[in-house]
Amino acid sequence: NALARLELSPVGVRRPTTGVAHACVWGDLDGASRLLDWIGVLPRHRFV
């Protein structure tokens, strides 16, 4: 979140906090969509 300067990935004291991968894309998301599809990051967990 600090690198993205946005609150994108949940942070908390309850463990485990992160259960799925979240992605933040710098630049155009369309260019990275096929790459994220291959990696397996769900669209709802992709941020620009």
ModelCIF file with pLDDT and N, C-alpha, C, O atoms, coordinates in Angstrom:
data_MODEL
#
_entry.id   MODEL 
#
_entity.id                         1 
_entity.type                       polymer 
_entity.pdbx_number_of_molecules   1 
#
_entity_poly.entity_id                      1 
_entity_poly.type                           'polypeptide(L)' 
_entity_poly.nstd_linkage                   no 
_entity_poly.nstd_monomer                   no 
_entity_poly.pdbx_seq_one_letter_code       NALARLELSPVGVRRPTTGVAHACVWGDLDGASRLLDWIGVLPRHRFV 
_entity_poly.pdbx_seq_one_letter_code_can   NALARLELSPVGVRRPTTGVAHACVWGDLDGASRLLDWIGVLPRHRFV 
_entity_poly.pdbx_strand_id                 A 
#
loop_
_entity_poly_seq.entity_id 
_entity_poly_seq.num 
_entity_poly_seq.mon_id 
_entity_poly_seq.hetero 
1 1  ASN n 
1 2  ALA n 
1 3  LEU n 
1 4  ALA n 
1 5  ARG n 
1 6  LEU n 
1 7  GLU n 
1 8  LEU n 
1 9  SER n 
1 10 PRO n 
1 11 VAL n 
1 12 GLY n 
1 13 VAL n 
1 14 ARG n 
1 15 ARG n 
1 16 PRO n 
1 17 THR n 
1 18 THR n 
1 19 GLY n 
1 20 VAL n 
1 21 ALA n 
1 22 HIS n 
1 23 ALA n 
1 24 CYS n 
1 25 VAL n 
1 26 TRP n 
1 27 GLY n 
1 28 ASP n 
1 29 LEU n 
1 30 ASP n 
1 31 GLY n 
1 32 ALA n 
1 33 SER n 
1 34 ARG n 
1 35 LEU n 
1 36 LEU n 
1 37 ASP n 
1 38 TRP n 
1 39 ILE n 
1 40 GLY n 
1 41 VAL n 
1 42 LEU n 
1 43 PRO n 
1 44 ARG n 
1 45 HIS n 
1 46 ARG n 
1 47 PHE n 
1 48 VAL n 
#
_struct_asym.id          A 
_struct_asym.entity_id   1 
#
loop_
_ma_qa_metric.id 
_ma_qa_metric.mode 
_ma_qa_metric.name 
_ma_qa_metric.software_group_id 
_ma_qa_metric.type 
1 global pLDDT . pLDDT 
2 local  pLDDT . pLDDT 
#
_ma_qa_metric_global.metric_id      1 
_ma_qa_metric_global.metric_value   81.08 
_ma_qa_metric_global.model_id       1 
_ma_qa_metric_global.ordinal_id     1 
#
loop_
_ma_qa_metric_local.label_asym_id 
_ma_qa_metric_local.label_comp_id 
_ma_qa_metric_local.label_seq_id 
_ma_qa_metric_local.metric_id 
_ma_qa_metric_local.metric_value 
_ma_qa_metric_local.model_id 
_ma_qa_metric_local.ordinal_id 
A ASN 1  2 91.00 1 1  
A ALA 2  2 91.00 1 2  
A LEU 3  2 91.00 1 3  
A ALA 4  2 87.00 1 4  
A ARG 5  2 84.00 1 5  
A LEU 6  2 80.00 1 6  
A GLU 7  2 78.00 1 7  
A LEU 8  2 73.00 1 8  
A SER 9  2 65.00 1 9  
A PRO 10 2 63.00 1 10 
A VAL 11 2 60.00 1 11 
A GLY 12 2 48.00 1 12 
A VAL 13 2 44.00 1 13 
A ARG 14 2 47.00 1 14 
A ARG 15 2 48.00 1 15 
A PRO 16 2 49.00 1 16 
A THR 17 2 55.00 1 17 
A THR 18 2 59.00 1 18 
A GLY 19 2 73.00 1 19 
A VAL 20 2 85.00 1 20 
A ALA 21 2 91.00 1 21 
A HIS 22 2 92.00 1 22 
A ALA 23 2 93.00 1 23 
A CYS 24 2 93.00 1 24 
A VAL 25 2 93.00 1 25 
A TRP 26 2 92.00 1 26 
A GLY 27 2 86.00 1 27 
A ASP 28 2 80.00 1 28 
A LEU 29 2 80.00 1 29 
A ASP 30 2 79.00 1 30 
A GLY 31 2 77.00 1 31 
A ALA 32 2 91.00 1 32 
A SER 33 2 92.00 1 33 
A ARG 34 2 93.00 1 34 
A LEU 35 2 94.00 1 35 
A LEU 36 2 94.00 1 36 
A ASP 37 2 94.00 1 37 
A TRP 38 2 95.00 1 38 
A ILE 39 2 94.00 1 39 
A GLY 40 2 93.00 1 40 
A VAL 41 2 93.00 1 41 
A LEU 42 2 92.00 1 42 
A PRO 43 2 91.00 1 43 
A ARG 44 2 91.00 1 44 
A HIS 45 2 91.00 1 45 
A ARG 46 2 90.00 1 46 
A PHE 47 2 89.00 1 47 
A VAL 48 2 88.00 1 48 
#
loop_
_atom_site.group_PDB 
_atom_site.id 
_atom_site.type_symbol 
_atom_site.label_atom_id 
_atom_site.label_alt_id 
_atom_site.label_comp_id 
_atom_site.label_asym_id 
_atom_site.label_entity_id 
_atom_site.label_seq_id 
_atom_site.pdbx_PDB_ins_code 
_atom_site.Cartn_x 
_atom_site.Cartn_y 
_atom_site.Cartn_z 
_atom_site.occupancy 
_atom_site.B_iso_or_equiv 
_atom_site.pdbx_formal_charge 
_atom_site.auth_seq_id 
_atom_site.auth_comp_id 
_atom_site.auth_asym_id 
_atom_site.auth_atom_id 
_atom_site.pdbx_PDB_model_num 
ATOM 1   N N  . ASN A 1 1  ? 0.823   -1.202  0.000   1.00 91.00 ? 1  ASN A N  1 
ATOM 2   C CA . ASN A 1 1  ? 0.000   0.000   0.000   1.00 91.00 ? 1  ASN A CA 1 
ATOM 3   C C  . ASN A 1 1  ? 0.860   1.256   0.000   1.00 91.00 ? 1  ASN A C  1 
ATOM 4   O O  . ASN A 1 1  ? 0.518   2.247   -0.646  1.00 91.00 ? 1  ASN A O  1 
ATOM 5   N N  . ALA A 1 2  ? 1.981   1.217   0.726   1.00 91.00 ? 2  ALA A N  1 
ATOM 6   C CA . ALA A 1 2  ? 2.844   2.387   0.790   1.00 91.00 ? 2  ALA A CA 1 
ATOM 7   C C  . ALA A 1 2  ? 3.488   2.675   -0.563  1.00 91.00 ? 2  ALA A C  1 
ATOM 8   O O  . ALA A 1 2  ? 3.609   3.835   -0.957  1.00 91.00 ? 2  ALA A O  1 
ATOM 9   N N  . LEU A 1 3  ? 3.901   1.629   -1.274  1.00 91.00 ? 3  LEU A N  1 
ATOM 10  C CA . LEU A 1 3  ? 4.488   1.831   -2.597  1.00 91.00 ? 3  LEU A CA 1 
ATOM 11  C C  . LEU A 1 3  ? 3.446   2.353   -3.581  1.00 91.00 ? 3  LEU A C  1 
ATOM 12  O O  . LEU A 1 3  ? 3.743   3.201   -4.422  1.00 91.00 ? 3  LEU A O  1 
ATOM 13  N N  . ALA A 1 4  ? 2.208   1.833   -3.465  1.00 87.00 ? 4  ALA A N  1 
ATOM 14  C CA . ALA A 1 4  ? 1.138   2.300   -4.339  1.00 87.00 ? 4  ALA A CA 1 
ATOM 15  C C  . ALA A 1 4  ? 0.567   3.638   -3.889  1.00 87.00 ? 4  ALA A C  1 
ATOM 16  O O  . ALA A 1 4  ? -0.120  4.315   -4.654  1.00 87.00 ? 4  ALA A O  1 
ATOM 17  N N  . ARG A 1 5  ? 0.858   4.024   -2.626  1.00 84.00 ? 5  ARG A N  1 
ATOM 18  C CA . ARG A 1 5  ? 0.326   5.257   -2.038  1.00 84.00 ? 5  ARG A CA 1 
ATOM 19  C C  . ARG A 1 5  ? -1.200  5.251   -2.052  1.00 84.00 ? 5  ARG A C  1 
ATOM 20  O O  . ARG A 1 5  ? -1.852  6.291   -2.139  1.00 84.00 ? 5  ARG A O  1 
ATOM 21  N N  . LEU A 1 6  ? -1.746  4.026   -1.960  1.00 80.00 ? 6  LEU A N  1 
ATOM 22  C CA . LEU A 1 6  ? -3.178  3.820   -1.887  1.00 80.00 ? 6  LEU A CA 1 
ATOM 23  C C  . LEU A 1 6  ? -3.448  2.645   -0.960  1.00 80.00 ? 6  LEU A C  1 
ATOM 24  O O  . LEU A 1 6  ? -2.589  1.778   -0.798  1.00 80.00 ? 6  LEU A O  1 
ATOM 25  N N  . GLU A 1 7  ? -4.618  2.602   -0.353  1.00 78.00 ? 7  GLU A N  1 
ATOM 26  C CA . GLU A 1 7  ? -5.004  1.475   0.476   1.00 78.00 ? 7  GLU A CA 1 
ATOM 27  C C  . GLU A 1 7  ? -5.675  0.431   -0.414  1.00 78.00 ? 7  GLU A C  1 
ATOM 28  O O  . GLU A 1 7  ? -6.889  0.464   -0.611  1.00 78.00 ? 7  GLU A O  1 
ATOM 29  N N  . LEU A 1 8  ? -4.876  -0.496  -0.953  1.00 73.00 ? 8  LEU A N  1 
ATOM 30  C CA . LEU A 1 8  ? -5.374  -1.480  -1.904  1.00 73.00 ? 8  LEU A CA 1 
ATOM 31  C C  . LEU A 1 8  ? -5.492  -2.872  -1.312  1.00 73.00 ? 8  LEU A C  1 
ATOM 32  O O  . LEU A 1 8  ? -6.445  -3.597  -1.599  1.00 73.00 ? 8  LEU A O  1 
ATOM 33  N N  . SER A 1 9  ? -4.531  -3.242  -0.493  1.00 65.00 ? 9  SER A N  1 
ATOM 34  C CA . SER A 1 9  ? -4.515  -4.586  0.075   1.00 65.00 ? 9  SER A CA 1 
ATOM 35  C C  . SER A 1 9  ? -4.877  -4.503  1.540   1.00 65.00 ? 9  SER A C  1 
ATOM 36  O O  . SER A 1 9  ? -4.351  -3.644  2.247   1.00 65.00 ? 9  SER A O  1 
ATOM 37  N N  . PRO A 1 10 ? -5.759  -5.367  2.025   1.00 63.00 ? 10 PRO A N  1 
ATOM 38  C CA . PRO A 1 10 ? -6.214  -5.278  3.413   1.00 63.00 ? 10 PRO A CA 1 
ATOM 39  C C  . PRO A 1 10 ? -5.081  -5.495  4.399   1.00 63.00 ? 10 PRO A C  1 
ATOM 40  O O  . PRO A 1 10 ? -4.239  -6.374  4.218   1.00 63.00 ? 10 PRO A O  1 
ATOM 41  N N  . VAL A 1 11 ? -5.073  -4.683  5.439   1.00 60.00 ? 11 VAL A N  1 
ATOM 42  C CA . VAL A 1 11 ? -4.077  -4.787  6.507   1.00 60.00 ? 11 VAL A CA 1 
ATOM 43  C C  . VAL A 1 11 ? -4.826  -4.932  7.808   1.00 60.00 ? 11 VAL A C  1 
ATOM 44  O O  . VAL A 1 11 ? -5.798  -4.214  8.046   1.00 60.00 ? 11 VAL A O  1 
ATOM 45  N N  . GLY A 1 12 ? -4.387  -5.863  8.672   1.00 48.00 ? 12 GLY A N  1 
ATOM 46  C CA . GLY A 1 12 ? -5.071  -6.046  9.933   1.00 48.00 ? 12 GLY A CA 1 
ATOM 47  C C  . GLY A 1 12 ? -4.285  -6.923  10.861  1.00 48.00 ? 12 GLY A C  1 
ATOM 48  O O  . GLY A 1 12 ? -3.229  -7.443  10.500  1.00 48.00 ? 12 GLY A O  1 
ATOM 49  N N  . VAL A 1 13 ? -4.798  -7.090  12.063  1.00 44.00 ? 13 VAL A N  1 
ATOM 50  C CA . VAL A 1 13 ? -4.123  -7.912  13.066  1.00 44.00 ? 13 VAL A CA 1 
ATOM 51  C C  . VAL A 1 13 ? -4.575  -9.355  12.981  1.00 44.00 ? 13 VAL A C  1 
ATOM 52  O O  . VAL A 1 13 ? -3.929  -10.243 13.538  1.00 44.00 ? 13 VAL A O  1 
ATOM 53  N N  . ARG A 1 14 ? -5.682  -9.600  12.289  1.00 47.00 ? 14 ARG A N  1 
ATOM 54  C CA . ARG A 1 14 ? -6.179  -10.959 12.159  1.00 47.00 ? 14 ARG A CA 1 
ATOM 55  C C  . ARG A 1 14 ? -5.350  -11.702 11.108  1.00 47.00 ? 14 ARG A C  1 
ATOM 56  O O  . ARG A 1 14 ? -5.147  -11.196 10.005  1.00 47.00 ? 14 ARG A O  1 
ATOM 57  N N  . ARG A 1 15 ? -4.868  -12.915 11.454  1.00 48.00 ? 15 ARG A N  1 
ATOM 58  C CA . ARG A 1 15 ? -3.991  -13.667 10.564  1.00 48.00 ? 15 ARG A CA 1 
ATOM 59  C C  . ARG A 1 15 ? -4.696  -14.938 10.085  1.00 48.00 ? 15 ARG A C  1 
ATOM 60  O O  . ARG A 1 15 ? -5.418  -15.579 10.850  1.00 48.00 ? 15 ARG A O  1 
ATOM 61  N N  . PRO A 1 16 ? -4.482  -15.299 8.814   1.00 49.00 ? 16 PRO A N  1 
ATOM 62  C CA . PRO A 1 16 ? -3.741  -14.519 7.816   1.00 49.00 ? 16 PRO A CA 1 
ATOM 63  C C  . PRO A 1 16 ? -4.626  -13.428 7.223   1.00 49.00 ? 16 PRO A C  1 
ATOM 64  O O  . PRO A 1 16 ? -5.819  -13.641 7.005   1.00 49.00 ? 16 PRO A O  1 
ATOM 65  N N  . THR A 1 17 ? -4.040  -12.257 6.963   1.00 55.00 ? 17 THR A N  1 
ATOM 66  C CA . THR A 1 17 ? -4.803  -11.142 6.420   1.00 55.00 ? 17 THR A CA 1 
ATOM 67  C C  . THR A 1 17 ? -4.969  -11.277 4.915   1.00 55.00 ? 17 THR A C  1 
ATOM 68  O O  . THR A 1 17 ? -6.080  -11.153 4.399   1.00 55.00 ? 17 THR A O  1 
ATOM 69  N N  . THR A 1 18 ? -3.852  -11.535 4.193   1.00 59.00 ? 18 THR A N  1 
ATOM 70  C CA . THR A 1 18 ? -3.880  -11.623 2.734   1.00 59.00 ? 18 THR A CA 1 
ATOM 71  C C  . THR A 1 18 ? -4.149  -13.061 2.321   1.00 59.00 ? 18 THR A C  1 
ATOM 72  O O  . THR A 1 18 ? -3.325  -13.945 2.554   1.00 59.00 ? 18 THR A O  1 
ATOM 73  N N  . GLY A 1 19 ? -5.323  -13.297 1.696   1.00 73.00 ? 19 GLY A N  1 
ATOM 74  C CA . GLY A 1 19 ? -5.665  -14.650 1.275   1.00 73.00 ? 19 GLY A CA 1 
ATOM 75  C C  . GLY A 1 19 ? -5.524  -14.855 -0.216  1.00 73.00 ? 19 GLY A C  1 
ATOM 76  O O  . GLY A 1 19 ? -5.365  -15.986 -0.676  1.00 73.00 ? 19 GLY A O  1 
ATOM 77  N N  . VAL A 1 20 ? -5.581  -13.771 -0.979  1.00 85.00 ? 20 VAL A N  1 
ATOM 78  C CA . VAL A 1 20 ? -5.419  -13.849 -2.431  1.00 85.00 ? 20 VAL A CA 1 
ATOM 79  C C  . VAL A 1 20 ? -4.458  -12.751 -2.856  1.00 85.00 ? 20 VAL A C  1 
ATOM 80  O O  . VAL A 1 20 ? -4.215  -11.794 -2.121  1.00 85.00 ? 20 VAL A O  1 
ATOM 81  N N  . ALA A 1 21 ? -3.919  -12.910 -4.056  1.00 91.00 ? 21 ALA A N  1 
ATOM 82  C CA . ALA A 1 21 ? -2.975  -11.925 -4.564  1.00 91.00 ? 21 ALA A CA 1 
ATOM 83  C C  . ALA A 1 21 ? -3.722  -10.689 -5.057  1.00 91.00 ? 21 ALA A C  1 
ATOM 84  O O  . ALA A 1 21 ? -4.773  -10.785 -5.690  1.00 91.00 ? 21 ALA A O  1 
ATOM 85  N N  . HIS A 1 22 ? -3.149  -9.530  -4.750  1.00 92.00 ? 22 HIS A N  1 
ATOM 86  C CA . HIS A 1 22 ? -3.641  -8.257  -5.258  1.00 92.00 ? 22 HIS A CA 1 
ATOM 87  C C  . HIS A 1 22 ? -2.575  -7.688  -6.181  1.00 92.00 ? 22 HIS A C  1 
ATOM 88  O O  . HIS A 1 22 ? -1.379  -7.886  -5.965  1.00 92.00 ? 22 HIS A O  1 
ATOM 89  N N  . ALA A 1 23 ? -3.027  -6.972  -7.224  1.00 93.00 ? 23 ALA A N  1 
ATOM 90  C CA . ALA A 1 23 ? -2.092  -6.431  -8.200  1.00 93.00 ? 23 ALA A CA 1 
ATOM 91  C C  . ALA A 1 23 ? -2.338  -4.948  -8.388  1.00 93.00 ? 23 ALA A C  1 
ATOM 92  O O  . ALA A 1 23 ? -3.480  -4.494  -8.454  1.00 93.00 ? 23 ALA A O  1 
ATOM 93  N N  . CYS A 1 24 ? -1.254  -4.207  -8.473  1.00 93.00 ? 24 CYS A N  1 
ATOM 94  C CA . CYS A 1 24 ? -1.317  -2.781  -8.776  1.00 93.00 ? 24 CYS A CA 1 
ATOM 95  C C  . CYS A 1 24 ? -0.466  -2.538  -10.013 1.00 93.00 ? 24 CYS A C  1 
ATOM 96  O O  . CYS A 1 24 ? 0.706   -2.912  -10.060 1.00 93.00 ? 24 CYS A O  1 
ATOM 97  N N  . VAL A 1 25 ? -1.069  -1.909  -11.009 1.00 93.00 ? 25 VAL A N  1 
ATOM 98  C CA . VAL A 1 25 ? -0.394  -1.691  -12.286 1.00 93.00 ? 25 VAL A CA 1 
ATOM 99  C C  . VAL A 1 25 ? -0.099  -0.200  -12.440 1.00 93.00 ? 25 VAL A C  1 
ATOM 100 O O  . VAL A 1 25 ? -0.994  0.636   -12.319 1.00 93.00 ? 25 VAL A O  1 
ATOM 101 N N  . TRP A 1 26 ? 1.149   0.116   -12.704 1.00 92.00 ? 26 TRP A N  1 
ATOM 102 C CA . TRP A 1 26 ? 1.541   1.490   -13.020 1.00 92.00 ? 26 TRP A CA 1 
ATOM 103 C C  . TRP A 1 26 ? 1.478   1.636   -14.544 1.00 92.00 ? 26 TRP A C  1 
ATOM 104 O O  . TRP A 1 26 ? 2.228   0.988   -15.274 1.00 92.00 ? 26 TRP A O  1 
ATOM 105 N N  . GLY A 1 27 ? 0.585   2.486   -15.000 1.00 86.00 ? 27 GLY A N  1 
ATOM 106 C CA . GLY A 1 27 ? 0.401   2.653   -16.428 1.00 86.00 ? 27 GLY A CA 1 
ATOM 107 C C  . GLY A 1 27 ? -0.940  2.095   -16.862 1.00 86.00 ? 27 GLY A C  1 
ATOM 108 O O  . GLY A 1 27 ? -1.878  1.997   -16.071 1.00 86.00 ? 27 GLY A O  1 
ATOM 109 N N  . ASP A 1 28 ? -1.012  1.730   -18.143 1.00 80.00 ? 28 ASP A N  1 
ATOM 110 C CA . ASP A 1 28 ? -2.268  1.270   -18.729 1.00 80.00 ? 28 ASP A CA 1 
ATOM 111 C C  . ASP A 1 28 ? -2.567  -0.159  -18.277 1.00 80.00 ? 28 ASP A C  1 
ATOM 112 O O  . ASP A 1 28 ? -1.736  -1.051  -18.441 1.00 80.00 ? 28 ASP A O  1 
ATOM 113 N N  . LEU A 1 29 ? -3.755  -0.373  -17.708 1.00 80.00 ? 29 LEU A N  1 
ATOM 114 C CA . LEU A 1 29 ? -4.133  -1.709  -17.238 1.00 80.00 ? 29 LEU A CA 1 
ATOM 115 C C  . LEU A 1 29 ? -4.376  -2.656  -18.403 1.00 80.00 ? 29 LEU A C  1 
ATOM 116 O O  . LEU A 1 29 ? -4.113  -3.853  -18.293 1.00 80.00 ? 29 LEU A O  1 
ATOM 117 N N  . ASP A 1 30 ? -4.884  -2.122  -19.538 1.00 79.00 ? 30 ASP A N  1 
ATOM 118 C CA . ASP A 1 30 ? -5.203  -2.997  -20.670 1.00 79.00 ? 30 ASP A CA 1 
ATOM 119 C C  . ASP A 1 30 ? -3.961  -3.744  -21.158 1.00 79.00 ? 30 ASP A C  1 
ATOM 120 O O  . ASP A 1 30 ? -4.043  -4.917  -21.522 1.00 79.00 ? 30 ASP A O  1 
ATOM 121 N N  . GLY A 1 31 ? -2.832  -3.076  -21.164 1.00 77.00 ? 31 GLY A N  1 
ATOM 122 C CA . GLY A 1 31 ? -1.615  -3.727  -21.625 1.00 77.00 ? 31 GLY A CA 1 
ATOM 123 C C  . GLY A 1 31 ? -1.163  -4.854  -20.730 1.00 77.00 ? 31 GLY A C  1 
ATOM 124 O O  . GLY A 1 31 ? -0.458  -5.758  -21.178 1.00 77.00 ? 31 GLY A O  1 
ATOM 125 N N  . ALA A 1 32 ? -1.566  -4.816  -19.443 1.00 91.00 ? 32 ALA A N  1 
ATOM 126 C CA . ALA A 1 32 ? -1.140  -5.847  -18.497 1.00 91.00 ? 32 ALA A CA 1 
ATOM 127 C C  . ALA A 1 32 ? -2.215  -6.895  -18.247 1.00 91.00 ? 32 ALA A C  1 
ATOM 128 O O  . ALA A 1 32 ? -1.983  -7.844  -17.498 1.00 91.00 ? 32 ALA A O  1 
ATOM 129 N N  . SER A 1 33 ? -3.390  -6.741  -18.858 1.00 92.00 ? 33 SER A N  1 
ATOM 130 C CA . SER A 1 33 ? -4.504  -7.640  -18.552 1.00 92.00 ? 33 SER A CA 1 
ATOM 131 C C  . SER A 1 33 ? -4.195  -9.085  -18.912 1.00 92.00 ? 33 SER A C  1 
ATOM 132 O O  . SER A 1 33 ? -4.423  -9.994  -18.114 1.00 92.00 ? 33 SER A O  1 
ATOM 133 N N  . ARG A 1 34 ? -3.664  -9.297  -20.141 1.00 93.00 ? 34 ARG A N  1 
ATOM 134 C CA . ARG A 1 34 ? -3.357  -10.672 -20.542 1.00 93.00 ? 34 ARG A CA 1 
ATOM 135 C C  . ARG A 1 34 ? -2.309  -11.285 -19.618 1.00 93.00 ? 34 ARG A C  1 
ATOM 136 O O  . ARG A 1 34 ? -2.372  -12.473 -19.302 1.00 93.00 ? 34 ARG A O  1 
ATOM 137 N N  . LEU A 1 35 ? -1.356  -10.480 -19.192 1.00 94.00 ? 35 LEU A N  1 
ATOM 138 C CA . LEU A 1 35 ? -0.313  -10.967 -18.289 1.00 94.00 ? 35 LEU A CA 1 
ATOM 139 C C  . LEU A 1 35 ? -0.923  -11.370 -16.956 1.00 94.00 ? 35 LEU A C  1 
ATOM 140 O O  . LEU A 1 35 ? -0.572  -12.414 -16.406 1.00 94.00 ? 35 LEU A O  1 
ATOM 141 N N  . LEU A 1 36 ? -1.827  -10.560 -16.433 1.00 94.00 ? 36 LEU A N  1 
ATOM 142 C CA . LEU A 1 36 ? -2.465  -10.876 -15.155 1.00 94.00 ? 36 LEU A CA 1 
ATOM 143 C C  . LEU A 1 36 ? -3.429  -12.047 -15.292 1.00 94.00 ? 36 LEU A C  1 
ATOM 144 O O  . LEU A 1 36 ? -3.615  -12.819 -14.352 1.00 94.00 ? 36 LEU A O  1 
ATOM 145 N N  . ASP A 1 37 ? -4.044  -12.176 -16.469 1.00 94.00 ? 37 ASP A N  1 
ATOM 146 C CA . ASP A 1 37 ? -4.889  -13.359 -16.692 1.00 94.00 ? 37 ASP A CA 1 
ATOM 147 C C  . ASP A 1 37 ? -4.040  -14.625 -16.594 1.00 94.00 ? 37 ASP A C  1 
ATOM 148 O O  . ASP A 1 37 ? -4.444  -15.604 -15.966 1.00 94.00 ? 37 ASP A O  1 
ATOM 149 N N  . TRP A 1 38 ? -2.874  -14.599 -17.213 1.00 95.00 ? 38 TRP A N  1 
ATOM 150 C CA . TRP A 1 38 ? -1.988  -15.768 -17.176 1.00 95.00 ? 38 TRP A CA 1 
ATOM 151 C C  . TRP A 1 38 ? -1.499  -16.046 -15.749 1.00 95.00 ? 38 TRP A C  1 
ATOM 152 O O  . TRP A 1 38 ? -1.423  -17.197 -15.320 1.00 95.00 ? 38 TRP A O  1 
ATOM 153 N N  . ILE A 1 39 ? -1.171  -14.968 -15.024 1.00 94.00 ? 39 ILE A N  1 
ATOM 154 C CA . ILE A 1 39 ? -0.694  -15.151 -13.644 1.00 94.00 ? 39 ILE A CA 1 
ATOM 155 C C  . ILE A 1 39 ? -1.818  -15.655 -12.751 1.00 94.00 ? 39 ILE A C  1 
ATOM 156 O O  . ILE A 1 39 ? -1.577  -16.408 -11.807 1.00 94.00 ? 39 ILE A O  1 
ATOM 157 N N  . GLY A 1 40 ? -3.043  -15.241 -13.048 1.00 93.00 ? 40 GLY A N  1 
ATOM 158 C CA . GLY A 1 40 ? -4.179  -15.733 -12.271 1.00 93.00 ? 40 GLY A CA 1 
ATOM 159 C C  . GLY A 1 40 ? -4.680  -14.762 -11.225 1.00 93.00 ? 40 GLY A C  1 
ATOM 160 O O  . GLY A 1 40 ? -5.254  -15.190 -10.223 1.00 93.00 ? 40 GLY A O  1 
ATOM 161 N N  . VAL A 1 41 ? -4.485  -13.476 -11.422 1.00 93.00 ? 41 VAL A N  1 
ATOM 162 C CA . VAL A 1 41 ? -5.027  -12.471 -10.499 1.00 93.00 ? 41 VAL A CA 1 
ATOM 163 C C  . VAL A 1 41 ? -6.419  -12.087 -10.988 1.00 93.00 ? 41 VAL A C  1 
ATOM 164 O O  . VAL A 1 41 ? -6.587  -11.670 -12.133 1.00 93.00 ? 41 VAL A O  1 
ATOM 165 N N  . LEU A 1 42 ? -7.399  -12.227 -10.131 1.00 92.00 ? 42 LEU A N  1 
ATOM 166 C CA . LEU A 1 42 ? -8.779  -11.955 -10.514 1.00 92.00 ? 42 LEU A CA 1 
ATOM 167 C C  . LEU A 1 42 ? -8.962  -10.468 -10.851 1.00 92.00 ? 42 LEU A C  1 
ATOM 168 O O  . LEU A 1 42 ? -8.312  -9.614  -10.248 1.00 92.00 ? 42 LEU A O  1 
ATOM 169 N N  . PRO A 1 43 ? -9.828  -10.159 -11.796 1.00 91.00 ? 43 PRO A N  1 
ATOM 170 C CA . PRO A 1 43 ? -10.033 -8.755  -12.186 1.00 91.00 ? 43 PRO A CA 1 
ATOM 171 C C  . PRO A 1 43 ? -10.412 -7.855  -11.015 1.00 91.00 ? 43 PRO A C  1 
ATOM 172 O O  . PRO A 1 43 ? -10.024 -6.687  -10.978 1.00 91.00 ? 43 PRO A O  1 
ATOM 173 N N  . ARG A 1 44 ? -11.168 -8.393  -10.057 1.00 91.00 ? 44 ARG A N  1 
ATOM 174 C CA . ARG A 1 44 ? -11.583 -7.529  -8.954  1.00 91.00 ? 44 ARG A CA 1 
ATOM 175 C C  . ARG A 1 44 ? -10.453 -7.205  -7.992  1.00 91.00 ? 44 ARG A C  1 
ATOM 176 O O  . ARG A 1 44 ? -10.589 -6.355  -7.112  1.00 91.00 ? 44 ARG A O  1 
ATOM 177 N N  . HIS A 1 45 ? -9.324  -7.904  -8.176  1.00 91.00 ? 45 HIS A N  1 
ATOM 178 C CA . HIS A 1 45 ? -8.163  -7.634  -7.322  1.00 91.00 ? 45 HIS A CA 1 
ATOM 179 C C  . HIS A 1 45 ? -7.062  -6.908  -8.083  1.00 91.00 ? 45 HIS A C  1 
ATOM 180 O O  . HIS A 1 45 ? -5.912  -6.885  -7.643  1.00 91.00 ? 45 HIS A O  1 
ATOM 181 N N  . ARG A 1 46 ? -7.409  -6.312  -9.230  1.00 90.00 ? 46 ARG A N  1 
ATOM 182 C CA . ARG A 1 46 ? -6.453  -5.543  -10.020 1.00 90.00 ? 46 ARG A CA 1 
ATOM 183 C C  . ARG A 1 46 ? -6.750  -4.048  -9.852  1.00 90.00 ? 46 ARG A C  1 
ATOM 184 O O  . ARG A 1 46 ? -7.900  -3.610  -9.887  1.00 90.00 ? 46 ARG A O  1 
ATOM 185 N N  . PHE A 1 47 ? -5.677  -3.291  -9.668  1.00 89.00 ? 47 PHE A N  1 
ATOM 186 C CA . PHE A 1 47 ? -5.828  -1.857  -9.470  1.00 89.00 ? 47 PHE A CA 1 
ATOM 187 C C  . PHE A 1 47 ? -4.828  -1.132  -10.367 1.00 89.00 ? 47 PHE A C  1 
ATOM 188 O O  . PHE A 1 47 ? -3.784  -1.669  -10.741 1.00 89.00 ? 47 PHE A O  1 
ATOM 189 N N  . VAL A 1 48 ? -5.194  0.123   -10.702 1.00 88.00 ? 48 VAL A N  1 
ATOM 190 C CA . VAL A 1 48 ? -4.339  0.934   -11.566 1.00 88.00 ? 48 VAL A CA 1 
ATOM 191 C C  . VAL A 1 48 ? -3.799  2.103   -10.764 1.00 88.00 ? 48 VAL A C  1 
ATOM 192 O O  . VAL A 1 48 ? -3.050  2.923   -11.295 1.00 88.00 ? 48 VAL A O  1 
#
